[in-house]
C-alpha cells in the first residue's frame, strides 16, 4: 500500500479513505473520552492545586512578615516601656532620697531645739538652785555676822535683791 501512495493518489480508493477517516474520528473520540478528558481534568486540578499552593505560600509569607513587624513593634514598645520604668524608678528613688534627707534634717533640727530647751531648762534650774543655795549661805553668813535671825519676809526680800543683782551680773 505504501507503494501505491508513493506512486500516486490514483491508487487510493474512496472507500479506503472513508474507512481510514471514520476510524481516525472514532479513535479520536475514544481517546478524548478515555484519555483526553481525564488528563485535562487532572491537569486542571493540578493547576488549581499549584495556584492554591502559591496563594497559600504568598499568604503565609505575608502573615510571617506581618508577625515579624508586630514583634519588632512589640520589642520597640517593650524597650520604650522598660526605659520609662527605669526612669520612673530613678525618679521615685530620688524623691525617696530627698524625703529621707529632709526628714532626717527636720528630726535633727527638732533634736537640736529639744536639746537647747533642755539645756536652757537645766541652766535655769541650776541657776535657781545656785541662787537658793547662795541665798541660804548668805543668810547663814549674815545671821552669824549680825547674830540675829531675820524673819521670813525680810529673808525673802534680801534673797530677791541678791538674785536680781546676780541676774544683772550674769546677763552682762
C-alpha atoms as a PDB file:
ATOM      1  CA  UNK A   1       0.000   0.000   0.000  1.00  0.00           C
ATOM      2  CA  UNK A   2       2.903   2.271   0.622  1.00  0.00           C
ATOM      3  CA  UNK A   3       3.965   1.788  -2.945  1.00  0.00           C
ATOM      4  CA  UNK A   4       0.532   2.999  -4.040  1.00  0.00           C
ATOM      5  CA  UNK A   5       0.833   6.182  -2.037  1.00  0.00           C
ATOM      6  CA  UNK A   6       4.240   6.947  -3.368  1.00  0.00           C
ATOM      7  CA  UNK A   7       3.304   6.261  -6.974  1.00  0.00           C
ATOM      8  CA  UNK A   8       0.326   8.457  -6.977  1.00  0.00           C
ATOM      9  CA  UNK A   9      -3.015   9.306  -5.489  1.00  0.00           C
ATOM     10  CA  UNK A  10      -4.785   7.455  -8.192  1.00  0.00           C
ATOM     11  CA  UNK A  11      -4.221   4.160  -6.450  1.00  0.00           C
ATOM     12  CA  UNK A  12      -6.193   5.188  -3.325  1.00  0.00           C
ATOM     13  CA  UNK A  13      -9.782   4.406  -3.290  1.00  0.00           C
ATOM     14  CA  UNK A  14     -12.531   6.446  -1.841  1.00  0.00           C
ATOM     15  CA  UNK A  15     -13.756   3.571   0.349  1.00  0.00           C
ATOM     16  CA  UNK A  16     -10.341   3.141   1.920  1.00  0.00           C
ATOM     17  CA  UNK A  17     -10.146   6.825   2.601  1.00  0.00           C
ATOM     18  CA  UNK A  18     -13.539   6.878   4.148  1.00  0.00           C
ATOM     19  CA  UNK A  19     -12.703   3.857   6.305  1.00  0.00           C
ATOM     20  CA  UNK A  20      -9.466   5.456   7.457  1.00  0.00           C
ATOM     21  CA  UNK A  21     -11.178   8.803   8.171  1.00  0.00           C
ATOM     22  CA  UNK A  22     -14.011   7.182  10.152  1.00  0.00           C
ATOM     23  CA  UNK A  23     -11.521   5.007  12.043  1.00  0.00           C
ATOM     24  CA  UNK A  24      -9.466   8.114  12.803  1.00  0.00           C
ATOM     25  CA  UNK A  25     -12.552  10.019  14.043  1.00  0.00           C
ATOM     26  CA  UNK A  26     -13.662   7.042  16.175  1.00  0.00           C
ATOM     27  CA  UNK A  27     -10.113   6.686  17.535  1.00  0.00           C
ATOM     28  CA  UNK A  28     -10.014  10.405  18.366  1.00  0.00           C
ATOM     29  CA  UNK A  29     -13.433  10.170  20.093  1.00  0.00           C
ATOM     30  CA  UNK A  30     -12.247   7.189  22.135  1.00  0.00           C
ATOM     31  CA  UNK A  31      -9.018   8.948  23.052  1.00  0.00           C
ATOM     32  CA  UNK A  32     -10.986  12.077  24.003  1.00  0.00           C
ATOM     33  CA  UNK A  33     -13.430  10.039  26.066  1.00  0.00           C
ATOM     34  CA  UNK A  34     -10.946   7.673  27.716  1.00  0.00           C
ATOM     35  CA  UNK A  35      -7.757   9.728  27.971  1.00  0.00           C
ATOM     36  CA  UNK A  36      -8.148  13.379  26.972  1.00  0.00           C
ATOM     37  CA  UNK A  37     -10.939  14.420  29.366  1.00  0.00           C
ATOM     38  CA  UNK A  38      -9.394  12.721  32.449  1.00  0.00           C
ATOM     39  CA  UNK A  39      -5.961  14.109  31.543  1.00  0.00           C
ATOM     40  CA  UNK A  40      -7.427  17.585  31.037  1.00  0.00           C
ATOM     41  CA  UNK A  41      -9.336  17.290  34.297  1.00  0.00           C
ATOM     42  CA  UNK A  42      -6.198  16.079  36.102  1.00  0.00           C
ATOM     43  CA  UNK A  43      -4.153  18.930  34.606  1.00  0.00           C
ATOM     44  CA  UNK A  44      -6.817  21.468  35.636  1.00  0.00           C
ATOM     45  CA  UNK A  45      -6.872  20.112  39.184  1.00  0.00           C
ATOM     46  CA  UNK A  46      -3.082  20.206  39.282  1.00  0.00           C
ATOM     47  CA  UNK A  47      -3.087  23.790  38.000  1.00  0.00           C
ATOM     48  CA  UNK A  48      -5.672  24.742  40.658  1.00  0.00           C
ATOM     49  CA  UNK A  49      -3.627  22.995  43.366  1.00  0.00           C
ATOM     50  CA  UNK A  50      -0.462  24.789  42.261  1.00  0.00           C
ATOM     51  CA  UNK A  51      -2.313  28.120  42.167  1.00  0.00           C
ATOM     52  CA  UNK A  52      -3.755  27.465  45.647  1.00  0.00           C
ATOM     53  CA  UNK A  53      -0.315  26.470  46.949  1.00  0.00           C
ATOM     54  CA  UNK A  54       1.161  29.671  45.523  1.00  0.00           C
ATOM     55  CA  UNK A  55      -1.655  31.732  47.090  1.00  0.00           C
ATOM     56  CA  UNK A  56      -1.227  29.928  50.412  1.00  0.00           C
ATOM     57  CA  UNK A  57       2.536  30.445  50.315  1.00  0.00           C
ATOM     58  CA  UNK A  58       2.059  34.133  49.499  1.00  0.00           C
ATOM     59  CA  UNK A  59      -0.488  34.465  52.310  1.00  0.00           C
ATOM     60  CA  UNK A  60       1.851  32.668  54.729  1.00  0.00           C
ATOM     61  CA  UNK A  61       4.752  34.885  53.675  1.00  0.00           C
ATOM     62  CA  UNK A  62       2.586  37.991  54.216  1.00  0.00           C
ATOM     63  CA  UNK A  63       1.446  36.714  57.635  1.00  0.00           C
ATOM     64  CA  UNK A  64       5.050  35.955  58.607  1.00  0.00           C
ATOM     65  CA  UNK A  65       6.072  39.436  57.506  1.00  0.00           C
ATOM     66  CA  UNK A  66       3.214  40.988  59.490  1.00  0.00           C
ATOM     67  CA  UNK A  67       4.108  38.879  62.524  1.00  0.00           C
ATOM     68  CA  UNK A  68       7.755  39.943  62.251  1.00  0.00           C
ATOM     69  CA  UNK A  69       6.639  43.592  62.065  1.00  0.00           C
ATOM     70  CA  UNK A  70       4.424  43.098  65.109  1.00  0.00           C
ATOM     71  CA  UNK A  71       7.301  41.513  67.015  1.00  0.00           C
ATOM     72  CA  UNK A  72       9.611  44.372  66.087  1.00  0.00           C
ATOM     73  CA  UNK A  73       6.969  46.873  67.197  1.00  0.00           C
ATOM     74  CA  UNK A  74       6.389  44.949  70.433  1.00  0.00           C
ATOM     75  CA  UNK A  75      10.136  44.799  71.088  1.00  0.00           C
ATOM     76  CA  UNK A  76      10.460  48.520  70.433  1.00  0.00           C
ATOM     77  CA  UNK A  77       7.474  49.200  72.678  1.00  0.00           C
ATOM     78  CA  UNK A  78       8.958  46.939  75.363  1.00  0.00           C
ATOM     79  CA  UNK A  79      12.270  48.781  75.215  1.00  0.00           C
ATOM     80  CA  UNK A  80      10.494  52.123  75.455  1.00  0.00           C
ATOM     81  CA  UNK A  81       8.388  50.861  78.339  1.00  0.00           C
ATOM     82  CA  UNK A  82      11.461  49.453  80.088  1.00  0.00           C
ATOM     83  CA  UNK A  83      13.238  52.782  79.693  1.00  0.00           C
ATOM     84  CA  UNK A  84      10.193  54.528  81.132  1.00  0.00           C
ATOM     85  CA  UNK A  85      10.070  52.145  84.084  1.00  0.00           C
ATOM     86  CA  UNK A  86      13.777  52.657  84.775  1.00  0.00           C
ATOM     87  CA  UNK A  87      13.384  56.443  84.549  1.00  0.00           C
ATOM     88  CA  UNK A  88      10.350  56.314  86.831  1.00  0.00           C
ATOM     89  CA  UNK A  89      12.229  54.137  89.318  1.00  0.00           C
ATOM     90  CA  UNK A  90      15.151  56.570  89.306  1.00  0.00           C
ATOM     91  CA  UNK A  91      12.786  59.487  89.825  1.00  0.00           C
ATOM     92  CA  UNK A  92      10.990  57.650  92.625  1.00  0.00           C
ATOM     93  CA  UNK A  93      14.340  56.815  94.219  1.00  0.00           C
ATOM     94  CA  UNK A  94      15.408  60.449  94.046  1.00  0.00           C
ATOM     95  CA  UNK A  95      12.119  61.539  95.632  1.00  0.00           C
ATOM     96  CA  UNK A  96      12.520  58.976  98.414  1.00  0.00           C
ATOM     97  CA  UNK A  97      16.120  60.047  98.964  1.00  0.00           C
ATOM     98  CA  UNK A  98      15.064  63.698  99.147  1.00  0.00           C
ATOM     99  CA  UNK A  99      12.235  62.812 101.534  1.00  0.00           C
ATOM    100  CA  UNK A 100      14.540  60.779 103.766  1.00  0.00           C
ATOM    101  CA  UNK A 101      17.159  63.548 103.824  1.00  0.00           C
ATOM    102  CA  UNK A 102      14.506  66.190 104.571  1.00  0.00           C
ATOM    103  CA  UNK A 103      13.024  64.046 107.352  1.00  0.00           C
ATOM    104  CA  UNK A 104      16.475  63.460 108.819  1.00  0.00           C
ATOM    105  CA  UNK A 105      17.224  67.183 108.726  1.00  0.00           C
ATOM    106  CA  UNK A 106      13.879  68.004 110.340  1.00  0.00           C
ATOM    107  CA  UNK A 107      14.481  65.381 113.017  1.00  0.00           C
ATOM    108  CA  UNK A 108      17.985  66.713 113.643  1.00  0.00           C
ATOM    109  CA  UNK A 109      16.587  70.240 113.915  1.00  0.00           C
ATOM    110  CA  UNK A 110      13.941  69.032 116.363  1.00  0.00           C
ATOM    111  CA  UNK A 111      16.592  67.239 118.423  1.00  0.00           C
ATOM    112  CA  UNK A 112      18.713  70.394 118.465  1.00  0.00           C
ATOM    113  CA  UNK A 113      15.750  72.516 119.546  1.00  0.00           C
ATOM    114  CA  UNK A 114      14.790  69.986 122.180  1.00  0.00           C
ATOM    115  CA  UNK A 115      18.390  69.842 123.402  1.00  0.00           C
ATOM    116  CA  UNK A 116      18.546  73.652 123.546  1.00  0.00           C
ATOM    117  CA  UNK A 117      15.293  73.765 125.514  1.00  0.00           C
ATOM    118  CA  UNK A 118      16.577  71.058 127.851  1.00  0.00           C
ATOM    119  CA  UNK A 119      19.895  72.892 128.269  1.00  0.00           C
ATOM    120  CA  UNK A 120      18.104  76.167 128.929  1.00  0.00           C
ATOM    121  CA  UNK A 121      15.773  74.457 131.409  1.00  0.00           C
ATOM    122  CA  UNK A 122      18.735  72.803 133.158  1.00  0.00           C
ATOM    123  CA  UNK A 123      20.532  76.141 133.197  1.00  0.00           C
ATOM    124  CA  UNK A 124      17.501  77.840 134.718  1.00  0.00           C
ATOM    125  CA  UNK A 125      17.130  75.039 137.267  1.00  0.00           C
ATOM    126  CA  UNK A 126      20.820  75.192 138.116  1.00  0.00           C
ATOM    127  CA  UNK A 127      20.646  78.981 138.424  1.00  0.00           C
ATOM    128  CA  UNK A 128      17.663  78.716 140.761  1.00  0.00           C
ATOM    129  CA  UNK A 129      19.424  76.078 142.824  1.00  0.00           C
ATOM    130  CA  UNK A 130      22.577  78.173 142.981  1.00  0.00           C
ATOM    131  CA  UNK A 131      20.543  81.239 143.851  1.00  0.00           C
ATOM    132  CA  UNK A 132      18.746  79.316 146.549  1.00  0.00           C
ATOM    133  CA  UNK A 133      21.994  77.894 147.883  1.00  0.00           C
ATOM    134  CA  UNK A 134      23.688  81.298 147.741  1.00  0.00           C
ATOM    135  CA  UNK A 135      20.712  82.853 149.469  1.00  0.00           C
ATOM    136  CA  UNK A 136      20.801  80.232 152.195  1.00  0.00           C
ATOM    137  CA  UNK A 137      24.549  80.616 152.643  1.00  0.00           C
ATOM    138  CA  UNK A 138      24.237  84.388 152.559  1.00  0.00           C
ATOM    139  CA  UNK A 139      21.526  84.294 155.181  1.00  0.00           C
ATOM    140  CA  UNK A 140      23.583  81.991 157.339  1.00  0.00           C
ATOM    141  CA  UNK A 141      26.626  84.191 156.980  1.00  0.00           C
ATOM    142  CA  UNK A 142      24.573  87.284 157.601  1.00  0.00           C
ATOM    143  CA  UNK A 143      22.950  85.616 160.603  1.00  0.00           C
ATOM    144  CA  UNK A 144      26.291  84.711 162.027  1.00  0.00           C
ATOM    145  CA  UNK A 145      27.648  88.131 161.332  1.00  0.00           C
ATOM    146  CA  UNK A 146      24.695  90.026 162.647  1.00  0.00           C
ATOM    147  CA  UNK A 147      23.927  87.343 165.208  1.00  0.00           C
ATOM    148  CA  UNK A 148      20.358  87.641 164.662  1.00  0.00           C
ATOM    149  CA  UNK A 149      17.752  85.794 162.720  1.00  0.00           C
ATOM    150  CA  UNK A 150      15.853  87.584 160.001  1.00  0.00           C
ATOM    151  CA  UNK A 151      12.158  86.982 159.695  1.00  0.00           C
ATOM    152  CA  UNK A 152      10.969  85.059 156.569  1.00  0.00           C
ATOM    153  CA  UNK A 153       9.703  88.182 154.804  1.00  0.00           C
ATOM    154  CA  UNK A 154      12.920  90.021 155.323  1.00  0.00           C
ATOM    155  CA  UNK A 155      14.867  86.971 154.316  1.00  0.00           C
ATOM    156  CA  UNK A 156      12.860  86.677 151.074  1.00  0.00           C
ATOM    157  CA  UNK A 157      13.390  90.386 150.264  1.00  0.00           C
ATOM    158  CA  UNK A 158      17.125  90.012 150.843  1.00  0.00           C
ATOM    159  CA  UNK A 159      17.241  86.924 148.597  1.00  0.00           C
ATOM    160  CA  UNK A 160      15.278  88.608 145.813  1.00  0.00           C
ATOM    161  CA  UNK A 161      17.516  91.649 145.796  1.00  0.00           C
ATOM    162  CA  UNK A 162      20.576  89.435 145.762  1.00  0.00           C
ATOM    163  CA  UNK A 163      19.128  87.338 142.867  1.00  0.00           C
ATOM    164  CA  UNK A 164      18.341  90.440 140.856  1.00  0.00           C
ATOM    165  CA  UNK A 165      21.885  91.555 141.361  1.00  0.00           C
ATOM    166  CA  UNK A 166      23.167  88.166 140.190  1.00  0.00           C
ATOM    167  CA  UNK A 167      20.804  88.117 137.204  1.00  0.00           C
ATOM    168  CA  UNK A 168      22.053  91.520 136.079  1.00  0.00           C
ATOM    169  CA  UNK A 169      25.607  90.466 136.643  1.00  0.00           C
ATOM    170  CA  UNK A 170      25.071  87.180 134.682  1.00  0.00           C
ATOM    171  CA  UNK A 171      23.441  88.855 131.681  1.00  0.00           C
ATOM    172  CA  UNK A 172      26.419  91.145 131.130  1.00  0.00           C
END
